[in-house]
Amino acid sequence: MKLTLTTEGLLDPRKLSAWSAERRRAIHAAVAKGMTSGGREVREAARAQMRSAFQVRRASFVASMSVKVFDQKPERLPALWVGSRIPWLGIHTVGGTVAGRMLIPLLPNRIGPKRFQAVIDGLMRSGNAFFVEKNGRVLLMAENLQENAAQLARFKRAERQRSGVKRLQRGQEIPIAVLVRRVDLKRRFDLGAAVQPALSGLARAIQRELDQA
């Protein structure tokens, strides 16, 4: 997503070229410094929207949203990048459909993709993973075996909560995940609306630096 901040005066590209090379370098440095300081407010606004849009359980998720100033090209004014290193976050800004064979964990709480992959790998290595069809759904199941105790711990807990029993029988089949071929995601993270109010503060930070340049 590209957000444009426009202003008159020194930052007007049509007027910038009229200044001397030394003055243009000073303006370039001042804009970069202003973006660095003012960008923090933009970053915090984006992080606040993340907390509102998602059920945040890890601080690292929100901390992934950051800002970066690109100012390496002297012939162009600096640019402020706002984004996250989490690759799937982008689809939540526009919504869309993810297609393919996907396993959705049958857990009340989120499990990280790496940890879930480790569970599947462990079950597959031991031969304790199989698919069944129930009520029109394809489920990945595993037997309650001691050798898979580490992989099955949270899935056993989830099954006890669903069934209302205190103890599962040895060898009992436990649902691990449901196999789906597409997932429709609604738009839930409006990055543009989140940072728009902070742009006025960014403009003021840039102007302060320009006044001192």
N, C-alpha and C. Protein backbone atom coordinates (compact mmCIF):
# COMPACT_ATOMS: atom_id res chain seq x y z
N MET A 1 0.85 -1.19 0.00
CA MET A 1 0.00 0.00 0.00
C MET A 1 0.88 1.24 0.00
N LYS A 2 0.59 2.20 -0.86
CA LYS A 2 1.37 3.43 -0.97
C LYS A 2 0.54 4.60 -0.48
N LEU A 3 1.09 5.33 0.48
CA LEU A 3 0.45 6.52 1.01
C LEU A 3 1.30 7.73 0.62
N THR A 4 0.68 8.77 0.13
CA THR A 4 1.41 9.93 -0.35
C THR A 4 1.21 11.11 0.58
N LEU A 5 2.31 11.75 0.94
CA LEU A 5 2.28 12.95 1.78
C LEU A 5 2.75 14.10 0.91
N THR A 6 1.89 15.07 0.70
CA THR A 6 2.24 16.19 -0.15
C THR A 6 2.25 17.48 0.65
N THR A 7 3.10 18.38 0.25
CA THR A 7 3.16 19.69 0.90
C THR A 7 3.72 20.69 -0.10
N GLU A 8 3.52 21.94 0.17
CA GLU A 8 4.02 22.98 -0.71
C GLU A 8 5.34 23.51 -0.19
N GLY A 9 6.04 24.25 -1.01
CA GLY A 9 7.28 24.86 -0.58
C GLY A 9 8.49 24.05 -0.98
N LEU A 10 9.38 23.83 -0.01
CA LEU A 10 10.65 23.17 -0.30
C LEU A 10 10.49 21.77 -0.85
N LEU A 11 9.42 21.07 -0.43
CA LEU A 11 9.28 19.68 -0.82
C LEU A 11 8.59 19.51 -2.18
N ASP A 12 8.17 20.58 -2.76
CA ASP A 12 7.58 20.49 -4.09
C ASP A 12 8.69 20.15 -5.08
N PRO A 13 8.63 18.96 -5.72
CA PRO A 13 9.70 18.55 -6.64
C PRO A 13 9.96 19.57 -7.73
N ARG A 14 8.96 20.32 -8.14
CA ARG A 14 9.14 21.31 -9.20
C ARG A 14 9.98 22.50 -8.72
N LYS A 15 9.96 22.75 -7.42
CA LYS A 15 10.72 23.86 -6.87
C LYS A 15 12.06 23.42 -6.28
N LEU A 16 12.15 22.15 -5.92
CA LEU A 16 13.37 21.67 -5.27
C LEU A 16 14.59 21.83 -6.18
N SER A 17 14.40 21.59 -7.46
CA SER A 17 15.53 21.66 -8.39
C SER A 17 16.09 23.06 -8.53
N ALA A 18 15.33 24.07 -8.11
CA ALA A 18 15.79 25.45 -8.23
C ALA A 18 16.84 25.81 -7.19
N TRP A 19 16.99 25.00 -6.16
CA TRP A 19 17.95 25.29 -5.11
C TRP A 19 19.34 24.80 -5.52
N SER A 20 20.34 25.33 -4.85
CA SER A 20 21.71 24.90 -5.11
C SER A 20 21.90 23.47 -4.66
N ALA A 21 22.98 22.82 -5.16
CA ALA A 21 23.25 21.43 -4.80
C ALA A 21 23.44 21.30 -3.29
N GLU A 22 24.13 22.26 -2.68
CA GLU A 22 24.36 22.21 -1.23
C GLU A 22 23.04 22.32 -0.48
N ARG A 23 22.16 23.21 -0.95
CA ARG A 23 20.88 23.38 -0.29
C ARG A 23 20.01 22.15 -0.47
N ARG A 24 20.05 21.54 -1.63
CA ARG A 24 19.27 20.32 -1.86
C ARG A 24 19.74 19.20 -0.95
N ARG A 25 21.05 19.10 -0.73
CA ARG A 25 21.55 18.07 0.19
C ARG A 25 21.07 18.32 1.61
N ALA A 26 21.02 19.59 2.01
CA ALA A 26 20.54 19.93 3.35
C ALA A 26 19.06 19.59 3.49
N ILE A 27 18.29 19.90 2.45
CA ILE A 27 16.86 19.57 2.48
C ILE A 27 16.67 18.06 2.53
N HIS A 28 17.44 17.35 1.74
CA HIS A 28 17.34 15.88 1.70
C HIS A 28 17.63 15.30 3.08
N ALA A 29 18.69 15.78 3.74
CA ALA A 29 19.05 15.28 5.06
C ALA A 29 17.99 15.62 6.10
N ALA A 30 17.42 16.84 5.98
CA ALA A 30 16.40 17.25 6.95
C ALA A 30 15.14 16.42 6.81
N VAL A 31 14.73 16.13 5.58
CA VAL A 31 13.54 15.31 5.37
C VAL A 31 13.76 13.90 5.93
N ALA A 32 14.93 13.33 5.69
CA ALA A 32 15.23 11.99 6.20
C ALA A 32 15.20 11.97 7.73
N LYS A 33 15.77 13.01 8.34
CA LYS A 33 15.78 13.07 9.81
C LYS A 33 14.37 13.24 10.35
N GLY A 34 13.57 14.06 9.68
CA GLY A 34 12.19 14.26 10.12
C GLY A 34 11.37 12.99 9.99
N MET A 35 11.61 12.25 8.90
CA MET A 35 10.90 10.98 8.73
C MET A 35 11.30 9.97 9.79
N THR A 36 12.56 10.00 10.18
CA THR A 36 13.03 9.06 11.21
C THR A 36 12.33 9.32 12.54
N SER A 37 12.26 10.61 12.93
CA SER A 37 11.62 10.92 14.22
C SER A 37 10.09 10.84 14.12
N GLY A 38 9.52 11.40 13.06
CA GLY A 38 8.06 11.37 12.90
C GLY A 38 7.53 10.00 12.56
N GLY A 39 8.39 9.15 11.99
CA GLY A 39 7.95 7.80 11.64
C GLY A 39 7.58 6.95 12.83
N ARG A 40 8.11 7.29 13.98
CA ARG A 40 7.79 6.51 15.18
C ARG A 40 6.30 6.61 15.50
N GLU A 41 5.72 7.79 15.32
CA GLU A 41 4.29 7.97 15.57
C GLU A 41 3.47 7.15 14.56
N VAL A 42 3.93 7.13 13.32
CA VAL A 42 3.27 6.33 12.30
C VAL A 42 3.33 4.85 12.66
N ARG A 43 4.49 4.41 13.09
CA ARG A 43 4.66 3.00 13.49
C ARG A 43 3.74 2.63 14.65
N GLU A 44 3.66 3.48 15.65
CA GLU A 44 2.82 3.18 16.81
C GLU A 44 1.35 3.15 16.43
N ALA A 45 0.94 4.00 15.48
CA ALA A 45 -0.45 3.98 15.03
C ALA A 45 -0.76 2.67 14.33
N ALA A 46 0.17 2.18 13.52
CA ALA A 46 -0.02 0.91 12.84
C ALA A 46 -0.07 -0.24 13.84
N ARG A 47 0.79 -0.20 14.84
CA ARG A 47 0.80 -1.26 15.86
C ARG A 47 -0.49 -1.27 16.67
N ALA A 48 -1.02 -0.08 16.95
CA ALA A 48 -2.29 0.00 17.69
C ALA A 48 -3.41 -0.66 16.89
N GLN A 49 -3.40 -0.45 15.57
CA GLN A 49 -4.41 -1.08 14.73
C GLN A 49 -4.25 -2.60 14.71
N MET A 50 -3.02 -3.08 14.76
CA MET A 50 -2.79 -4.52 14.81
C MET A 50 -3.38 -5.12 16.09
N ARG A 51 -3.17 -4.42 17.21
CA ARG A 51 -3.71 -4.92 18.48
C ARG A 51 -5.24 -4.96 18.45
N SER A 52 -5.84 -4.00 17.76
CA SER A 52 -7.29 -3.95 17.69
C SER A 52 -7.85 -5.00 16.73
N ALA A 53 -7.13 -5.26 15.64
CA ALA A 53 -7.66 -6.14 14.60
C ALA A 53 -7.44 -7.61 14.88
N PHE A 54 -6.40 -7.94 15.64
CA PHE A 54 -6.05 -9.34 15.87
C PHE A 54 -6.05 -9.65 17.36
N GLN A 55 -6.19 -10.93 17.67
CA GLN A 55 -6.02 -11.39 19.04
C GLN A 55 -4.53 -11.61 19.27
N VAL A 56 -3.89 -10.59 19.79
CA VAL A 56 -2.43 -10.62 19.92
C VAL A 56 -2.04 -11.38 21.18
N ARG A 57 -1.24 -12.41 21.00
CA ARG A 57 -0.77 -13.21 22.13
C ARG A 57 0.75 -13.08 22.32
N ARG A 58 1.43 -12.66 21.28
CA ARG A 58 2.87 -12.50 21.36
C ARG A 58 3.26 -11.07 21.01
N ALA A 59 4.12 -10.49 21.85
CA ALA A 59 4.57 -9.13 21.59
C ALA A 59 5.34 -9.04 20.29
N SER A 60 6.00 -10.13 19.89
CA SER A 60 6.80 -10.12 18.67
C SER A 60 5.94 -9.90 17.43
N PHE A 61 4.65 -10.28 17.50
CA PHE A 61 3.76 -10.08 16.36
C PHE A 61 3.56 -8.59 16.09
N VAL A 62 3.25 -7.85 17.13
CA VAL A 62 3.06 -6.41 16.98
C VAL A 62 4.39 -5.73 16.67
N ALA A 63 5.47 -6.21 17.29
CA ALA A 63 6.78 -5.59 17.08
C ALA A 63 7.28 -5.79 15.65
N SER A 64 6.67 -6.73 14.92
CA SER A 64 7.10 -6.94 13.53
C SER A 64 6.75 -5.75 12.64
N MET A 65 5.78 -4.94 13.06
CA MET A 65 5.42 -3.74 12.29
C MET A 65 6.46 -2.66 12.57
N SER A 66 7.13 -2.22 11.54
CA SER A 66 8.21 -1.26 11.72
C SER A 66 8.20 -0.24 10.58
N VAL A 67 9.06 0.75 10.69
CA VAL A 67 9.22 1.76 9.65
C VAL A 67 10.70 1.83 9.27
N LYS A 68 10.94 2.26 8.05
CA LYS A 68 12.31 2.40 7.57
C LYS A 68 12.36 3.55 6.58
N VAL A 69 13.39 4.36 6.72
CA VAL A 69 13.57 5.51 5.83
C VAL A 69 14.54 5.13 4.71
N PHE A 70 14.12 5.31 3.48
CA PHE A 70 14.98 5.08 2.32
C PHE A 70 15.46 6.45 1.82
N ASP A 71 16.74 6.70 1.97
CA ASP A 71 17.28 8.02 1.58
C ASP A 71 18.62 7.90 0.87
N GLN A 72 18.83 6.81 0.16
CA GLN A 72 20.12 6.57 -0.48
C GLN A 72 20.25 7.25 -1.84
N LYS A 73 19.16 7.72 -2.42
CA LYS A 73 19.22 8.34 -3.74
C LYS A 73 19.14 9.86 -3.59
N PRO A 74 20.26 10.55 -3.80
CA PRO A 74 20.26 12.00 -3.56
C PRO A 74 19.38 12.77 -4.53
N GLU A 75 19.08 12.19 -5.70
CA GLU A 75 18.26 12.90 -6.66
C GLU A 75 16.77 12.78 -6.36
N ARG A 76 16.41 11.97 -5.37
CA ARG A 76 15.01 11.80 -5.01
C ARG A 76 14.83 12.08 -3.52
N LEU A 77 13.67 12.60 -3.16
CA LEU A 77 13.38 12.82 -1.75
C LEU A 77 13.26 11.48 -1.02
N PRO A 78 13.62 11.45 0.26
CA PRO A 78 13.50 10.20 1.03
C PRO A 78 12.07 9.68 1.05
N ALA A 79 11.94 8.40 1.31
CA ALA A 79 10.62 7.75 1.41
C ALA A 79 10.55 6.98 2.72
N LEU A 80 9.38 6.97 3.32
CA LEU A 80 9.16 6.24 4.57
C LEU A 80 8.38 4.97 4.27
N TRP A 81 8.98 3.83 4.59
CA TRP A 81 8.34 2.53 4.39
C TRP A 81 7.71 2.08 5.70
N VAL A 82 6.47 1.63 5.65
CA VAL A 82 5.77 1.10 6.82
C VAL A 82 5.32 -0.31 6.49
N GLY A 83 5.71 -1.28 7.27
CA GLY A 83 5.31 -2.65 6.96
C GLY A 83 5.78 -3.64 8.00
N SER A 84 5.47 -4.90 7.73
CA SER A 84 5.79 -5.99 8.64
C SER A 84 6.55 -7.08 7.89
N ARG A 85 7.40 -7.79 8.60
CA ARG A 85 8.13 -8.90 7.99
C ARG A 85 7.29 -10.18 7.95
N ILE A 86 6.06 -10.13 8.48
CA ILE A 86 5.18 -11.30 8.44
C ILE A 86 4.53 -11.36 7.07
N PRO A 87 4.81 -12.38 6.27
CA PRO A 87 4.36 -12.38 4.87
C PRO A 87 2.86 -12.45 4.67
N TRP A 88 2.13 -13.10 5.58
CA TRP A 88 0.69 -13.29 5.37
C TRP A 88 -0.14 -12.11 5.86
N LEU A 89 0.51 -11.11 6.45
CA LEU A 89 -0.26 -10.00 7.01
C LEU A 89 -0.93 -9.18 5.90
N GLY A 90 -0.30 -9.14 4.73
CA GLY A 90 -0.81 -8.31 3.65
C GLY A 90 -2.21 -8.69 3.20
N ILE A 91 -2.52 -9.98 3.17
CA ILE A 91 -3.83 -10.39 2.67
C ILE A 91 -4.94 -9.90 3.60
N HIS A 92 -4.62 -9.67 4.88
CA HIS A 92 -5.63 -9.18 5.81
C HIS A 92 -5.95 -7.70 5.60
N THR A 93 -5.14 -6.99 4.81
CA THR A 93 -5.43 -5.59 4.53
C THR A 93 -6.42 -5.44 3.38
N VAL A 94 -6.59 -6.47 2.58
CA VAL A 94 -7.50 -6.39 1.43
C VAL A 94 -8.52 -7.52 1.41
N GLY A 95 -8.27 -8.60 2.15
CA GLY A 95 -9.13 -9.78 2.07
C GLY A 95 -8.78 -10.59 0.84
N GLY A 96 -9.28 -11.81 0.79
CA GLY A 96 -9.00 -12.65 -0.37
C GLY A 96 -9.19 -14.11 -0.06
N THR A 97 -8.83 -14.94 -1.00
CA THR A 97 -8.99 -16.38 -0.87
C THR A 97 -7.64 -17.07 -1.02
N VAL A 98 -7.37 -17.97 -0.10
CA VAL A 98 -6.17 -18.81 -0.16
C VAL A 98 -6.60 -20.19 -0.60
N ALA A 99 -6.08 -20.66 -1.72
CA ALA A 99 -6.48 -21.96 -2.26
C ALA A 99 -5.35 -22.96 -2.14
N GLY A 100 -5.72 -24.25 -2.05
CA GLY A 100 -4.74 -25.31 -1.93
C GLY A 100 -5.14 -26.28 -0.83
N ARG A 101 -4.42 -27.37 -0.71
CA ARG A 101 -4.69 -28.35 0.34
C ARG A 101 -4.04 -27.86 1.64
N MET A 102 -4.88 -27.51 2.61
CA MET A 102 -4.38 -26.94 3.86
C MET A 102 -4.96 -27.68 5.05
N LEU A 103 -4.13 -27.85 6.07
CA LEU A 103 -4.55 -28.45 7.32
C LEU A 103 -4.79 -27.35 8.35
N ILE A 104 -6.00 -27.28 8.87
CA ILE A 104 -6.35 -26.30 9.90
C ILE A 104 -6.38 -27.01 11.25
N PRO A 105 -5.50 -26.66 12.19
CA PRO A 105 -5.45 -27.34 13.49
C PRO A 105 -6.78 -27.23 14.24
N LEU A 106 -7.20 -28.32 14.85
CA LEU A 106 -8.44 -28.33 15.63
C LEU A 106 -8.10 -28.04 17.09
N LEU A 107 -7.79 -26.78 17.34
CA LEU A 107 -7.40 -26.33 18.67
C LEU A 107 -8.16 -25.05 19.01
N PRO A 108 -8.46 -24.83 20.29
CA PRO A 108 -9.15 -23.59 20.67
C PRO A 108 -8.24 -22.37 20.60
N ASN A 109 -6.93 -22.61 20.69
CA ASN A 109 -5.97 -21.52 20.66
C ASN A 109 -5.01 -21.71 19.48
N ARG A 110 -4.37 -20.64 19.09
CA ARG A 110 -3.47 -20.67 17.95
C ARG A 110 -2.22 -21.50 18.26
N ILE A 111 -1.74 -22.21 17.24
CA ILE A 111 -0.46 -22.89 17.31
C ILE A 111 0.39 -22.37 16.16
N GLY A 112 1.64 -22.08 16.41
CA GLY A 112 2.51 -21.54 15.38
C GLY A 112 2.74 -22.54 14.26
N PRO A 113 2.97 -22.06 13.04
CA PRO A 113 3.16 -22.97 11.91
C PRO A 113 4.33 -23.92 12.07
N LYS A 114 5.44 -23.45 12.65
CA LYS A 114 6.60 -24.33 12.83
C LYS A 114 6.29 -25.44 13.85
N ARG A 115 5.61 -25.07 14.92
CA ARG A 115 5.28 -26.07 15.93
C ARG A 115 4.26 -27.08 15.40
N PHE A 116 3.29 -26.57 14.62
CA PHE A 116 2.30 -27.47 14.04
C PHE A 116 2.97 -28.41 13.04
N GLN A 117 3.91 -27.90 12.26
CA GLN A 117 4.64 -28.74 11.31
C GLN A 117 5.42 -29.82 12.04
N ALA A 118 6.00 -29.47 13.20
CA ALA A 118 6.74 -30.45 13.99
C ALA A 118 5.81 -31.56 14.49
N VAL A 119 4.57 -31.19 14.86
CA VAL A 119 3.59 -32.19 15.29
C VAL A 119 3.29 -33.15 14.14
N ILE A 120 3.00 -32.60 12.97
CA ILE A 120 2.67 -33.44 11.81
C ILE A 120 3.85 -34.33 11.45
N ASP A 121 5.05 -33.78 11.44
CA ASP A 121 6.24 -34.57 11.10
C ASP A 121 6.43 -35.72 12.07
N GLY A 122 6.25 -35.44 13.37
CA GLY A 122 6.41 -36.50 14.38
C GLY A 122 5.39 -37.61 14.21
N LEU A 123 4.15 -37.24 13.95
CA LEU A 123 3.10 -38.24 13.74
C LEU A 123 3.35 -39.05 12.47
N MET A 124 3.80 -38.38 11.41
CA MET A 124 4.06 -39.07 10.16
C MET A 124 5.23 -40.05 10.31
N ARG A 125 6.27 -39.65 10.99
CA ARG A 125 7.44 -40.53 11.17
C ARG A 125 7.08 -41.80 11.93
N SER A 126 6.19 -41.67 12.89
CA SER A 126 5.80 -42.84 13.67
C SER A 126 4.68 -43.64 13.02
N GLY A 127 4.16 -43.15 11.91
CA GLY A 127 3.06 -43.85 11.23
C GLY A 127 1.72 -43.66 11.91
N ASN A 128 1.63 -42.69 12.80
CA ASN A 128 0.41 -42.47 13.57
C ASN A 128 -0.33 -41.24 13.06
N ALA A 129 -0.68 -41.23 11.79
CA ALA A 129 -1.45 -40.14 11.20
C ALA A 129 -2.25 -40.70 10.04
N PHE A 130 -3.54 -40.46 10.04
CA PHE A 130 -4.39 -41.01 8.99
C PHE A 130 -5.62 -40.10 8.83
N PHE A 131 -6.21 -40.15 7.64
CA PHE A 131 -7.37 -39.31 7.33
C PHE A 131 -8.64 -40.14 7.39
N VAL A 132 -9.69 -39.52 7.90
CA VAL A 132 -11.02 -40.11 7.90
C VAL A 132 -12.01 -39.04 7.46
N GLU A 133 -13.15 -39.46 6.96
CA GLU A 133 -14.19 -38.52 6.56
C GLU A 133 -15.36 -38.63 7.52
N LYS A 134 -15.73 -37.50 8.12
CA LYS A 134 -16.82 -37.46 9.07
C LYS A 134 -17.69 -36.24 8.78
N ASN A 135 -18.98 -36.49 8.61
CA ASN A 135 -19.95 -35.40 8.39
C ASN A 135 -19.52 -34.46 7.26
N GLY A 136 -18.99 -35.05 6.20
CA GLY A 136 -18.61 -34.26 5.04
C GLY A 136 -17.27 -33.55 5.18
N ARG A 137 -16.56 -33.78 6.27
CA ARG A 137 -15.26 -33.16 6.47
C ARG A 137 -14.18 -34.23 6.48
N VAL A 138 -13.01 -33.87 5.97
CA VAL A 138 -11.87 -34.78 5.98
C VAL A 138 -10.97 -34.38 7.15
N LEU A 139 -10.80 -35.29 8.09
CA LEU A 139 -10.06 -35.01 9.32
C LEU A 139 -8.77 -35.80 9.35
N LEU A 140 -7.72 -35.16 9.84
CA LEU A 140 -6.48 -35.86 10.15
C LEU A 140 -6.57 -36.35 11.59
N MET A 141 -6.37 -37.65 11.79
CA MET A 141 -6.51 -38.25 13.11
C MET A 141 -5.19 -38.88 13.55
N ALA A 142 -5.08 -39.13 14.84
CA ALA A 142 -3.95 -39.85 15.41
C ALA A 142 -4.43 -40.63 16.61
N GLU A 143 -3.80 -41.77 16.88
CA GLU A 143 -4.17 -42.55 18.05
C GLU A 143 -3.44 -42.03 19.28
N ASN A 144 -4.08 -42.15 20.40
CA ASN A 144 -3.50 -41.73 21.67
C ASN A 144 -2.47 -42.77 22.11
N LEU A 145 -1.23 -42.60 21.67
CA LEU A 145 -0.15 -43.53 21.98
C LEU A 145 0.94 -42.80 22.77
N GLN A 146 1.60 -43.54 23.65
CA GLN A 146 2.61 -42.98 24.52
C GLN A 146 3.78 -42.40 23.72
N GLU A 147 4.15 -43.04 22.62
CA GLU A 147 5.30 -42.57 21.85
C GLU A 147 5.07 -41.21 21.21
N ASN A 148 3.82 -40.80 21.09
CA ASN A 148 3.50 -39.49 20.52
C ASN A 148 2.97 -38.52 21.58
N ALA A 149 3.30 -38.76 22.83
CA ALA A 149 2.76 -37.95 23.92
C ALA A 149 3.10 -36.47 23.75
N ALA A 150 4.33 -36.18 23.33
CA ALA A 150 4.73 -34.78 23.20
C ALA A 150 3.94 -34.08 22.11
N GLN A 151 3.76 -34.75 20.96
CA GLN A 151 3.04 -34.12 19.86
C GLN A 151 1.55 -33.98 20.15
N LEU A 152 0.99 -34.92 20.94
CA LEU A 152 -0.46 -34.95 21.13
C LEU A 152 -0.96 -34.19 22.35
N ALA A 153 -0.06 -33.65 23.16
CA ALA A 153 -0.45 -33.08 24.46
C ALA A 153 -1.58 -32.05 24.32
N ARG A 154 -1.40 -31.03 23.50
CA ARG A 154 -2.43 -29.99 23.42
C ARG A 154 -3.67 -30.46 22.67
N PHE A 155 -3.51 -31.43 21.76
CA PHE A 155 -4.67 -31.96 21.03
C PHE A 155 -5.50 -32.86 21.93
N LYS A 156 -4.84 -33.57 22.84
CA LYS A 156 -5.57 -34.36 23.83
C LYS A 156 -6.35 -33.45 24.78
N ARG A 157 -5.73 -32.35 25.16
CA ARG A 157 -6.41 -31.40 26.04
C ARG A 157 -7.63 -30.82 25.35
N ALA A 158 -7.49 -30.50 24.07
CA ALA A 158 -8.62 -29.96 23.32
C ALA A 158 -9.74 -30.99 23.18
N GLU A 159 -9.39 -32.26 22.98
CA GLU A 159 -10.40 -33.31 22.84
C GLU A 159 -11.12 -33.55 24.17
N ARG A 160 -10.41 -33.45 25.28
CA ARG A 160 -11.06 -33.61 26.59
C ARG A 160 -12.06 -32.49 26.82
N GLN A 161 -11.71 -31.28 26.40
CA GLN A 161 -12.63 -30.16 26.55
C GLN A 161 -13.86 -30.33 25.67
N ARG A 162 -13.66 -30.82 24.44
CA ARG A 162 -14.80 -31.01 23.53
C ARG A 162 -15.72 -32.11 24.02
N SER A 163 -15.15 -33.20 24.49
CA SER A 163 -15.96 -34.35 24.89
C SER A 163 -16.42 -34.30 26.34
N GLY A 164 -15.79 -33.46 27.16
CA GLY A 164 -16.17 -33.35 28.56
C GLY A 164 -15.69 -34.49 29.43
N VAL A 165 -14.71 -35.26 28.96
CA VAL A 165 -14.17 -36.35 29.77
C VAL A 165 -12.87 -35.91 30.41
N LYS A 166 -12.52 -36.58 31.52
CA LYS A 166 -11.30 -36.24 32.23
C LYS A 166 -10.09 -37.00 31.71
N ARG A 167 -10.33 -38.14 31.10
CA ARG A 167 -9.21 -38.97 30.67
C ARG A 167 -9.55 -39.66 29.36
N LEU A 168 -8.60 -39.68 28.44
CA LEU A 168 -8.77 -40.36 27.17
C LEU A 168 -8.19 -41.77 27.25
N GLN A 169 -8.82 -42.68 26.54
CA GLN A 169 -8.37 -44.07 26.55
C GLN A 169 -7.11 -44.22 25.68
N ARG A 170 -6.25 -45.16 26.07
CA ARG A 170 -5.08 -45.47 25.26
C ARG A 170 -5.54 -46.04 23.92
N GLY A 171 -5.00 -45.50 22.84
CA GLY A 171 -5.39 -45.94 21.51
C GLY A 171 -6.60 -45.22 20.95
N GLN A 172 -7.21 -44.34 21.73
CA GLN A 172 -8.36 -43.59 21.24
C GLN A 172 -7.95 -42.65 20.11
N GLU A 173 -8.81 -42.53 19.10
CA GLU A 173 -8.51 -41.65 17.97
C GLU A 173 -8.79 -40.19 18.34
N ILE A 174 -7.83 -39.33 18.04
CA ILE A 174 -7.91 -37.91 18.39
C ILE A 174 -7.85 -37.08 17.12
N PRO A 175 -8.80 -36.17 16.91
CA PRO A 175 -8.74 -35.29 15.73
C PRO A 175 -7.62 -34.26 15.88
N ILE A 176 -6.83 -34.13 14.84
CA ILE A 176 -5.70 -33.21 14.85
C ILE A 176 -5.99 -31.97 14.02
N ALA A 177 -6.52 -32.17 12.82
CA ALA A 177 -6.75 -31.04 11.91
C ALA A 177 -7.82 -31.42 10.90
N VAL A 178 -8.37 -30.40 10.26
CA VAL A 178 -9.33 -30.60 9.18
C VAL A 178 -8.66 -30.18 7.88
N LEU A 179 -8.85 -30.97 6.84
CA LEU A 179 -8.27 -30.68 5.53
C LEU A 179 -9.25 -29.83 4.72
N VAL A 180 -8.78 -28.67 4.26
CA VAL A 180 -9.61 -27.78 3.46
C VAL A 180 -8.87 -27.45 2.17
N ARG A 181 -9.63 -27.03 1.17
CA ARG A 181 -9.05 -26.68 -0.12
C ARG A 181 -9.05 -25.19 -0.40
N ARG A 182 -9.74 -24.41 0.42
CA ARG A 182 -9.72 -22.96 0.28
C ARG A 182 -10.17 -22.32 1.59
N VAL A 183 -9.63 -21.14 1.83
CA VAL A 183 -10.00 -20.36 3.01
C VAL A 183 -10.27 -18.94 2.55
N ASP A 184 -11.47 -18.43 2.86
CA ASP A 184 -11.84 -17.06 2.52
C ASP A 184 -11.55 -16.15 3.71
N LEU A 185 -10.75 -15.13 3.47
CA LEU A 185 -10.35 -14.21 4.53
C LEU A 185 -10.95 -12.84 4.28
N LYS A 186 -11.60 -12.30 5.30
CA LYS A 186 -12.17 -10.96 5.20
C LYS A 186 -11.10 -9.92 5.55
N ARG A 187 -11.30 -8.74 5.03
CA ARG A 187 -10.41 -7.63 5.38
C ARG A 187 -10.60 -7.30 6.86
N ARG A 188 -9.49 -7.26 7.58
CA ARG A 188 -9.60 -6.98 9.02
C ARG A 188 -8.53 -6.01 9.51
N PHE A 189 -7.58 -5.67 8.67
CA PHE A 189 -6.49 -4.79 9.10
C PHE A 189 -6.38 -3.63 8.13
N ASP A 190 -6.86 -2.46 8.52
CA ASP A 190 -6.87 -1.28 7.66
C ASP A 190 -5.65 -0.42 7.98
N LEU A 191 -4.54 -0.73 7.32
CA LEU A 191 -3.30 -0.01 7.59
C LEU A 191 -3.40 1.45 7.18
N GLY A 192 -4.02 1.71 6.04
CA GLY A 192 -4.13 3.09 5.57
C GLY A 192 -4.88 3.98 6.55
N ALA A 193 -6.03 3.50 7.01
CA ALA A 193 -6.82 4.28 7.95
C ALA A 193 -6.09 4.46 9.28
N ALA A 194 -5.26 3.47 9.63
CA ALA A 194 -4.55 3.53 10.91
C ALA A 194 -3.49 4.62 10.92
N VAL A 195 -2.74 4.73 9.83
CA VAL A 195 -1.61 5.66 9.83
C VAL A 195 -1.98 7.06 9.31
N GLN A 196 -3.13 7.18 8.65
CA GLN A 196 -3.49 8.48 8.08
C GLN A 196 -3.49 9.60 9.10
N PRO A 197 -4.09 9.42 10.30
CA PRO A 197 -4.07 10.51 11.28
C PRO A 197 -2.67 10.89 11.75
N ALA A 198 -1.74 9.94 11.66
CA ALA A 198 -0.37 10.21 12.13
C ALA A 198 0.45 10.97 11.10
N LEU A 199 -0.05 11.12 9.87
CA LEU A 199 0.73 11.79 8.83
C LEU A 199 0.92 13.27 9.11
N SER A 200 -0.06 13.88 9.80
CA SER A 200 0.10 15.30 10.13
C SER A 200 1.28 15.50 11.09
N GLY A 201 1.44 14.57 12.03
CA GLY A 201 2.58 14.63 12.94
C GLY A 201 3.89 14.41 12.20
N LEU A 202 3.85 13.52 11.21
CA LEU A 202 5.04 13.28 10.39
C LEU A 202 5.42 14.54 9.63
N ALA A 203 4.41 15.23 9.08
CA ALA A 203 4.68 16.47 8.35
C ALA A 203 5.28 17.53 9.26
N ARG A 204 4.80 17.61 10.50
CA ARG A 204 5.34 18.59 11.44
C ARG A 204 6.79 18.27 11.80
N ALA A 205 7.08 16.97 11.95
CA ALA A 205 8.46 16.58 12.28
C ALA A 205 9.41 16.95 11.14
N ILE A 206 8.95 16.74 9.91
CA ILE A 206 9.77 17.11 8.75
C ILE A 206 9.97 18.62 8.70
N GLN A 207 8.89 19.36 8.95
CA GLN A 207 8.97 20.84 8.89
C GLN A 207 9.93 21.36 9.95
N ARG A 208 9.94 20.77 11.15
CA ARG A 208 10.86 21.21 12.20
C ARG A 208 12.31 21.07 11.74
N GLU A 209 12.60 19.94 11.10
CA GLU A 209 13.96 19.73 10.63
C GLU A 209 14.31 20.67 9.49
N LEU A 210 13.33 20.95 8.63
CA LEU A 210 13.58 21.89 7.52
C LEU A 210 13.85 23.30 8.05
N ASP A 211 13.16 23.69 9.11
CA ASP A 211 13.34 25.03 9.68
C ASP A 211 14.76 25.20 10.23
N GLN A 212 15.37 24.07 10.63
CA GLN A 212 16.71 24.14 11.19
C GLN A 212 17.80 23.87 10.16
N ALA A 213 17.38 23.49 8.94
CA ALA A 213 18.37 23.14 7.92
C ALA A 213 19.06 24.39 7.37
